[in-house]
Amino acid sequence: METSSTHQIVESLTRAIVEHRLHPGTKLAEQKLARTLVRQALFQLSQNRLIKLEPARGAFVAAPSVEEARQVFAVRRMLEAEMARAFARSATPAGIKALREHVAQEKLALQRQDVPSRTELLGDFHVLMAELMGNQVLAELLRELISRCALITLMYQSTRAAEHSSEEHEEIVKALAAKDEERAVRLMNEHLLHVEENLTFERKQPASELSLALG
C-alpha cells in the first residue's frame, strides 16, 4: 500500500511538472501530506533529476538550464553517431526485434497521451541500443545524459514533436536492420538535432504549494 501510494505521488508530481503546474525552482513544501510517503517520492524523483534535494533547505523542482540541455545534446550526438554505426555493423535479428517492440511501446504511450511514459520510452530507446550491443558503460552514460535534460524534455516537447521522434526511431531501426551504417549515422544525428530544435522554452507561472500540485 505504501509503495503504491508513493508511486501515485511520483506520478502526480511528474504530471504537475509536465503540465507546468510546478515550475523549475519551485520549493516543494511538505505540509498537510503524509511526510514519509512524500519523502520517498521526492527521493525517487531526485534520482531522475526532476527534483533537487538540498540539505536544510528542502526539495525544489530541478532547474536545468537551456545551455546545459544544449551541451547534453552535443555530447549525445558525438556518442550516438558512433553507436549507430557500431550497431549497424553487428545488428542481429533479435536486436532489431527488440528495438521494433520498443518503438511499438512508444506509439502506445503516444496514443494514450501518457506524457511521462512517452518521454521515458523515447529516451530509453537510445539506452536500449547500447544495452543490446552489450555495452553497459555506454548505456549508463546515456542514461545519465538523458536524465540530465529529462525535465526540459518533459516540459517542453510537444506531442507532435514526440510523435515525430518515434517516427524517426522507426526509420533508424530500418537503417540498422539493413546494416546501412551511413544512413543510420545520418538519421541518428538528424534525430537528435530535431529533438533539440523542437523543444520550446515557454515559461508559465508556477504553483508554490506541493499540496495544490497534488490536488
C-alpha atoms as a PDB file:
ATOM      1  CA  MET A   1       0.000   0.000   0.000  1.00  0.00           C
ATOM      2  CA  GLU A   2       2.800   2.407   0.948  1.00  0.00           C
ATOM      3  CA  THR A   3       4.738   1.637  -2.255  1.00  0.00           C
ATOM      4  CA  SER A   4       1.568   2.143  -4.288  1.00  0.00           C
ATOM      5  CA  SER A   5       0.884   5.488  -2.570  1.00  0.00           C
ATOM      6  CA  THR A   6       4.475   6.615  -3.164  1.00  0.00           C
ATOM      7  CA  HIS A   7       4.117   5.685  -6.831  1.00  0.00           C
ATOM      8  CA  GLN A   8       0.915   7.747  -7.056  1.00  0.00           C
ATOM      9  CA  ILE A   9       2.694  10.766  -5.564  1.00  0.00           C
ATOM     10  CA  VAL A  10       5.594  10.325  -8.025  1.00  0.00           C
ATOM     11  CA  GLU A  11       3.113  10.164 -10.915  1.00  0.00           C
ATOM     12  CA  SER A  12       1.131  13.179  -9.673  1.00  0.00           C
ATOM     13  CA  LEU A  13       4.245  15.310  -9.199  1.00  0.00           C
ATOM     14  CA  THR A  14       5.675  14.288 -12.575  1.00  0.00           C
ATOM     15  CA  ARG A  15       2.394  15.237 -14.253  1.00  0.00           C
ATOM     16  CA  ALA A  16       2.290  18.564 -12.357  1.00  0.00           C
ATOM     17  CA  ILE A  17       5.793  19.335 -13.670  1.00  0.00           C
ATOM     18  CA  VAL A  18       4.861  18.284 -17.211  1.00  0.00           C
ATOM     19  CA  GLU A  19       1.703  20.400 -17.171  1.00  0.00           C
ATOM     20  CA  HIS A  20       3.618  23.454 -15.886  1.00  0.00           C
ATOM     21  CA  ARG A  21       1.720  23.479 -12.591  1.00  0.00           C
ATOM     22  CA  LEU A  22       5.109  23.152 -10.882  1.00  0.00           C
ATOM     23  CA  HIS A  23       7.868  25.299 -12.342  1.00  0.00           C
ATOM     24  CA  PRO A  24      11.680  24.839 -12.212  1.00  0.00           C
ATOM     25  CA  GLY A  25      12.959  26.278  -8.936  1.00  0.00           C
ATOM     26  CA  THR A  26       9.648  25.832  -7.109  1.00  0.00           C
ATOM     27  CA  LYS A  27      10.140  24.875  -3.459  1.00  0.00           C
ATOM     28  CA  LEU A  28       8.041  21.861  -2.503  1.00  0.00           C
ATOM     29  CA  ALA A  29       6.529  22.245   0.978  1.00  0.00           C
ATOM     30  CA  GLU A  30       5.509  19.003   2.693  1.00  0.00           C
ATOM     31  CA  GLN A  31       2.760  20.347   4.941  1.00  0.00           C
ATOM     32  CA  LYS A  32      -0.613  18.590   5.037  1.00  0.00           C
ATOM     33  CA  LEU A  33       0.759  15.437   3.423  1.00  0.00           C
ATOM     34  CA  ALA A  34       1.999  12.103   4.755  1.00  0.00           C
ATOM     35  CA  ARG A  35       5.618  13.101   5.194  1.00  0.00           C
ATOM     36  CA  THR A  36       7.204   9.639   4.903  1.00  0.00           C
ATOM     37  CA  LEU A  37       5.435   8.903   1.626  1.00  0.00           C
ATOM     38  CA  VAL A  38       6.270  12.324   0.235  1.00  0.00           C
ATOM     39  CA  ARG A  39       9.933  11.986   1.192  1.00  0.00           C
ATOM     40  CA  GLN A  40      10.128   8.602  -0.523  1.00  0.00           C
ATOM     41  CA  ALA A  41       8.509  10.078  -3.638  1.00  0.00           C
ATOM     42  CA  LEU A  42      10.807  13.115  -3.628  1.00  0.00           C
ATOM     43  CA  PHE A  43      13.843  10.849  -3.295  1.00  0.00           C
ATOM     44  CA  GLN A  44      12.719   8.806  -6.325  1.00  0.00           C
ATOM     45  CA  LEU A  45      12.192  12.000  -8.325  1.00  0.00           C
ATOM     46  CA  SER A  46      15.623  13.273  -7.265  1.00  0.00           C
ATOM     47  CA  GLN A  47      17.147  10.074  -8.680  1.00  0.00           C
ATOM     48  CA  ASN A  48      15.552  11.019 -12.000  1.00  0.00           C
ATOM     49  CA  ARG A  49      16.857  14.589 -11.638  1.00  0.00           C
ATOM     50  CA  LEU A  50      13.345  16.057 -11.672  1.00  0.00           C
ATOM     51  CA  ILE A  51      13.695  17.187  -8.062  1.00  0.00           C
ATOM     52  CA  LYS A  52      16.736  18.663  -6.323  1.00  0.00           C
ATOM     53  CA  LEU A  53      17.112  17.888  -2.612  1.00  0.00           C
ATOM     54  CA  GLU A  54      19.133  20.471  -0.696  1.00  0.00           C
ATOM     55  CA  PRO A  55      20.234  19.815   2.918  1.00  0.00           C
ATOM     56  CA  ALA A  56      18.484  22.116   5.428  1.00  0.00           C
ATOM     57  CA  ARG A  57      16.623  23.857   2.597  1.00  0.00           C
ATOM     58  CA  GLY A  58      14.255  21.195   1.313  1.00  0.00           C
ATOM     59  CA  ALA A  59      13.107  19.953  -2.072  1.00  0.00           C
ATOM     60  CA  PHE A  60      12.910  22.026  -5.242  1.00  0.00           C
ATOM     61  CA  VAL A  61      11.811  21.292  -8.782  1.00  0.00           C
ATOM     62  CA  ALA A  62      15.094  20.959 -10.682  1.00  0.00           C
ATOM     63  CA  ALA A  63      16.049  23.874 -12.899  1.00  0.00           C
ATOM     64  CA  PRO A  64      18.397  22.637 -15.631  1.00  0.00           C
ATOM     65  CA  SER A  65      19.497  25.474 -17.882  1.00  0.00           C
ATOM     66  CA  VAL A  66      18.825  25.602 -21.584  1.00  0.00           C
ATOM     67  CA  GLU A  67      22.612  25.771 -22.085  1.00  0.00           C
ATOM     68  CA  GLU A  68      23.022  22.530 -20.103  1.00  0.00           C
ATOM     69  CA  ALA A  69      20.473  20.859 -22.392  1.00  0.00           C
ATOM     70  CA  ARG A  70      22.366  22.102 -25.472  1.00  0.00           C
ATOM     71  CA  GLN A  71      25.628  20.669 -24.109  1.00  0.00           C
ATOM     72  CA  VAL A  72      23.969  17.350 -23.305  1.00  0.00           C
ATOM     73  CA  PHE A  73      22.646  17.042 -26.856  1.00  0.00           C
ATOM     74  CA  ALA A  74      26.089  17.913 -28.277  1.00  0.00           C
ATOM     75  CA  VAL A  75      27.696  15.097 -26.254  1.00  0.00           C
ATOM     76  CA  ARG A  76      24.903  12.687 -27.189  1.00  0.00           C
ATOM     77  CA  ARG A  77      25.428  13.361 -30.908  1.00  0.00           C
ATOM     78  CA  MET A  78      29.145  12.558 -30.529  1.00  0.00           C
ATOM     79  CA  LEU A  79      28.431   9.287 -28.742  1.00  0.00           C
ATOM     80  CA  GLU A  80      25.346   8.111 -30.551  1.00  0.00           C
ATOM     81  CA  ALA A  81      26.560   8.627 -34.104  1.00  0.00           C
ATOM     82  CA  GLU A  82      29.265   6.028 -33.483  1.00  0.00           C
ATOM     83  CA  MET A  83      26.821   3.854 -31.533  1.00  0.00           C
ATOM     84  CA  ALA A  84      24.531   3.764 -34.582  1.00  0.00           C
ATOM     85  CA  ARG A  85      27.490   2.823 -36.801  1.00  0.00           C
ATOM     86  CA  ALA A  86      28.601   0.027 -34.473  1.00  0.00           C
ATOM     87  CA  PHE A  87      25.055  -1.284 -34.027  1.00  0.00           C
ATOM     88  CA  ALA A  88      24.501  -1.405 -37.816  1.00  0.00           C
ATOM     89  CA  ARG A  89      27.673  -3.464 -38.233  1.00  0.00           C
ATOM     90  CA  SER A  90      26.685  -6.044 -35.638  1.00  0.00           C
ATOM     91  CA  ALA A  91      22.863  -5.930 -35.814  1.00  0.00           C
ATOM     92  CA  THR A  92      21.166  -9.247 -35.050  1.00  0.00           C
ATOM     93  CA  PRO A  93      17.552 -10.239 -35.793  1.00  0.00           C
ATOM     94  CA  ALA A  94      16.911 -10.402 -32.027  1.00  0.00           C
ATOM     95  CA  GLY A  95      18.292  -6.881 -31.527  1.00  0.00           C
ATOM     96  CA  ILE A  96      16.196  -5.448 -34.349  1.00  0.00           C
ATOM     97  CA  LYS A  97      13.104  -7.221 -32.978  1.00  0.00           C
ATOM     98  CA  ALA A  98      13.712  -5.712 -29.521  1.00  0.00           C
ATOM     99  CA  LEU A  99      14.015  -2.196 -30.986  1.00  0.00           C
ATOM    100  CA  ARG A 100      10.845  -2.642 -33.058  1.00  0.00           C
ATOM    101  CA  GLU A 101       8.941  -3.814 -29.971  1.00  0.00           C
ATOM    102  CA  HIS A 102      10.211  -0.766 -28.085  1.00  0.00           C
ATOM    103  CA  VAL A 103       9.023   1.598 -30.838  1.00  0.00           C
ATOM    104  CA  ALA A 104       5.596  -0.110 -30.651  1.00  0.00           C
ATOM    105  CA  GLN A 105       5.510   0.717 -26.910  1.00  0.00           C
ATOM    106  CA  GLU A 106       6.350   4.354 -27.715  1.00  0.00           C
ATOM    107  CA  LYS A 107       3.401   4.528 -30.107  1.00  0.00           C
ATOM    108  CA  LEU A 108       1.048   3.091 -27.473  1.00  0.00           C
ATOM    109  CA  ALA A 109       2.146   5.750 -24.947  1.00  0.00           C
ATOM    110  CA  LEU A 110       1.605   8.438 -27.596  1.00  0.00           C
ATOM    111  CA  GLN A 111      -1.892   7.127 -28.327  1.00  0.00           C
ATOM    112  CA  ARG A 112      -2.706   7.175 -24.598  1.00  0.00           C
ATOM    113  CA  GLN A 113      -1.339  10.752 -24.365  1.00  0.00           C
ATOM    114  CA  ASP A 114       0.771   9.483 -21.457  1.00  0.00           C
ATOM    115  CA  VAL A 115       3.415  12.225 -21.372  1.00  0.00           C
ATOM    116  CA  PRO A 116       5.653  10.810 -18.579  1.00  0.00           C
ATOM    117  CA  SER A 117       5.700   7.317 -20.169  1.00  0.00           C
ATOM    118  CA  ARG A 118       6.270   8.574 -23.686  1.00  0.00           C
ATOM    119  CA  THR A 119       9.188  10.744 -22.518  1.00  0.00           C
ATOM    120  CA  GLU A 120      10.756   7.835 -20.651  1.00  0.00           C
ATOM    121  CA  LEU A 121      10.283   5.429 -23.571  1.00  0.00           C
ATOM    122  CA  LEU A 122      11.676   7.885 -26.141  1.00  0.00           C
ATOM    123  CA  GLY A 123      14.814   8.283 -24.012  1.00  0.00           C
ATOM    124  CA  ASP A 124      15.072   4.566 -23.248  1.00  0.00           C
ATOM    125  CA  PHE A 125      15.229   3.735 -26.976  1.00  0.00           C
ATOM    126  CA  HIS A 126      18.788   5.090 -27.017  1.00  0.00           C
ATOM    127  CA  VAL A 127      19.796   3.293 -23.808  1.00  0.00           C
ATOM    128  CA  LEU A 128      18.329   0.057 -25.182  1.00  0.00           C
ATOM    129  CA  MET A 129      20.560   0.276 -28.256  1.00  0.00           C
ATOM    130  CA  ALA A 130      23.635   0.384 -26.022  1.00  0.00           C
ATOM    131  CA  GLU A 131      22.340  -2.477 -23.872  1.00  0.00           C
ATOM    132  CA  LEU A 132      21.626  -4.639 -26.929  1.00  0.00           C
ATOM    133  CA  MET A 133      25.233  -4.091 -28.007  1.00  0.00           C
ATOM    134  CA  GLY A 134      26.315  -5.351 -24.586  1.00  0.00           C
ATOM    135  CA  ASN A 135      27.981  -2.027 -23.738  1.00  0.00           C
ATOM    136  CA  GLN A 136      26.875  -1.283 -20.170  1.00  0.00           C
ATOM    137  CA  VAL A 137      29.281   1.655 -19.818  1.00  0.00           C
ATOM    138  CA  LEU A 138      27.699   3.384 -22.806  1.00  0.00           C
ATOM    139  CA  ALA A 139      24.203   2.516 -21.537  1.00  0.00           C
ATOM    140  CA  GLU A 140      24.978   4.095 -18.141  1.00  0.00           C
ATOM    141  CA  LEU A 141      26.481   7.200 -19.779  1.00  0.00           C
ATOM    142  CA  LEU A 142      23.428   7.666 -21.976  1.00  0.00           C
ATOM    143  CA  ARG A 143      21.041   7.099 -19.069  1.00  0.00           C
ATOM    144  CA  GLU A 144      22.872   9.821 -17.127  1.00  0.00           C
ATOM    145  CA  LEU A 145      22.924  12.244 -20.064  1.00  0.00           C
ATOM    146  CA  ILE A 146      19.252  11.690 -20.855  1.00  0.00           C
ATOM    147  CA  SER A 147      18.247  12.177 -17.220  1.00  0.00           C
ATOM    148  CA  ARG A 148      20.151  15.487 -17.106  1.00  0.00           C
ATOM    149  CA  CYS A 149      17.726  17.040 -19.573  1.00  0.00           C
ATOM    150  CA  ALA A 150      14.700  14.895 -18.666  1.00  0.00           C
ATOM    151  CA  LEU A 151      12.903  17.846 -17.072  1.00  0.00           C
ATOM    152  CA  ILE A 152      13.444  20.049 -20.114  1.00  0.00           C
ATOM    153  CA  THR A 153      12.212  17.285 -22.432  1.00  0.00           C
ATOM    154  CA  LEU A 154       9.223  16.548 -20.201  1.00  0.00           C
ATOM    155  CA  MET A 155       8.153  20.165 -20.019  1.00  0.00           C
ATOM    156  CA  TYR A 156       8.988  21.462 -23.470  1.00  0.00           C
ATOM    157  CA  GLN A 157       8.499  18.657 -26.002  1.00  0.00           C
ATOM    158  CA  SER A 158       5.189  18.995 -27.824  1.00  0.00           C
ATOM    159  CA  THR A 159       3.003  16.000 -28.648  1.00  0.00           C
ATOM    160  CA  ARG A 160       3.712  16.433 -32.361  1.00  0.00           C
ATOM    161  CA  ALA A 161       7.476  16.561 -31.729  1.00  0.00           C
ATOM    162  CA  ALA A 162       7.227  13.384 -29.624  1.00  0.00           C
ATOM    163  CA  GLU A 163       5.325  11.641 -32.427  1.00  0.00           C
ATOM    164  CA  HIS A 164       7.998  12.776 -34.886  1.00  0.00           C
ATOM    165  CA  SER A 165      10.688  11.381 -32.550  1.00  0.00           C
ATOM    166  CA  SER A 166       9.054   7.972 -32.535  1.00  0.00           C
ATOM    167  CA  GLU A 167       8.721   8.038 -36.349  1.00  0.00           C
ATOM    168  CA  GLU A 168      12.444   8.830 -36.575  1.00  0.00           C
ATOM    169  CA  HIS A 169      13.229   5.918 -34.246  1.00  0.00           C
ATOM    170  CA  GLU A 170      11.326   3.697 -36.680  1.00  0.00           C
ATOM    171  CA  GLU A 171      13.447   4.934 -39.609  1.00  0.00           C
ATOM    172  CA  ILE A 172      16.668   4.434 -37.620  1.00  0.00           C
ATOM    173  CA  VAL A 173      15.649   0.823 -36.914  1.00  0.00           C
ATOM    174  CA  LYS A 174      15.035   0.253 -40.655  1.00  0.00           C
ATOM    175  CA  ALA A 175      18.549   1.530 -41.449  1.00  0.00           C
ATOM    176  CA  LEU A 176      20.034  -0.680 -38.718  1.00  0.00           C
ATOM    177  CA  ALA A 177      18.120  -3.710 -39.993  1.00  0.00           C
ATOM    178  CA  ALA A 178      19.531  -3.056 -43.488  1.00  0.00           C
ATOM    179  CA  LYS A 179      23.021  -2.713 -41.949  1.00  0.00           C
ATOM    180  CA  ASP A 180      23.267   0.676 -43.686  1.00  0.00           C
ATOM    181  CA  GLU A 181      25.881   2.342 -41.487  1.00  0.00           C
ATOM    182  CA  GLU A 182      25.990   5.739 -43.181  1.00  0.00           C
ATOM    183  CA  ARG A 183      22.205   6.121 -43.255  1.00  0.00           C
ATOM    184  CA  ALA A 184      21.919   5.011 -39.600  1.00  0.00           C
ATOM    185  CA  VAL A 185      24.550   7.584 -38.550  1.00  0.00           C
ATOM    186  CA  ARG A 186      22.893  10.369 -40.575  1.00  0.00           C
ATOM    187  CA  LEU A 187      19.421   9.561 -39.254  1.00  0.00           C
ATOM    188  CA  MET A 188      20.652   9.455 -35.630  1.00  0.00           C
ATOM    189  CA  ASN A 189      22.376  12.844 -35.986  1.00  0.00           C
ATOM    190  CA  GLU A 190      19.325  14.401 -37.627  1.00  0.00           C
ATOM    191  CA  HIS A 191      17.045  12.865 -34.996  1.00  0.00           C
ATOM    192  CA  LEU A 192      18.978  14.327 -32.050  1.00  0.00           C
ATOM    193  CA  LEU A 193      19.152  17.725 -33.766  1.00  0.00           C
ATOM    194  CA  HIS A 194      15.382  17.639 -34.342  1.00  0.00           C
ATOM    195  CA  VAL A 195      14.675  16.739 -30.701  1.00  0.00           C
ATOM    196  CA  GLU A 196      16.789  19.675 -29.541  1.00  0.00           C
ATOM    197  CA  GLU A 197      15.363  22.120 -32.094  1.00  0.00           C
ATOM    198  CA  ASN A 198      11.755  21.165 -31.287  1.00  0.00           C
ATOM    199  CA  LEU A 199      11.989  21.984 -27.578  1.00  0.00           C
ATOM    200  CA  THR A 200      10.013  25.162 -26.977  1.00  0.00           C
ATOM    201  CA  PHE A 201      11.144  27.031 -23.893  1.00  0.00           C
ATOM    202  CA  GLU A 202       7.965  28.827 -22.873  1.00  0.00           C
ATOM    203  CA  ARG A 203       7.540  29.793 -19.237  1.00  0.00           C
ATOM    204  CA  LYS A 204       4.343  29.636 -17.203  1.00  0.00           C
ATOM    205  CA  GLN A 205       3.563  30.760 -13.670  1.00  0.00           C
ATOM    206  CA  PRO A 206       4.450  28.164 -11.021  1.00  0.00           C
ATOM    207  CA  ALA A 207       2.358  26.714  -8.246  1.00  0.00           C
ATOM    208  CA  SER A 208       4.061  27.255  -4.900  1.00  0.00           C
ATOM    209  CA  GLU A 209       2.373  24.551  -2.886  1.00  0.00           C
ATOM    210  CA  LEU A 210       3.019  20.848  -3.234  1.00  0.00           C
ATOM    211  CA  SER A 211      -0.493  20.132  -1.964  1.00  0.00           C
ATOM    212  CA  LEU A 212      -2.002  22.279  -4.751  1.00  0.00           C
ATOM    213  CA  ALA A 213       0.005  20.426  -7.386  1.00  0.00           C
ATOM    214  CA  LEU A 214      -1.087  17.063  -5.999  1.00  0.00           C
ATOM    215  CA  GLY A 215      -4.660  18.245  -5.717  1.00  0.00           C
END
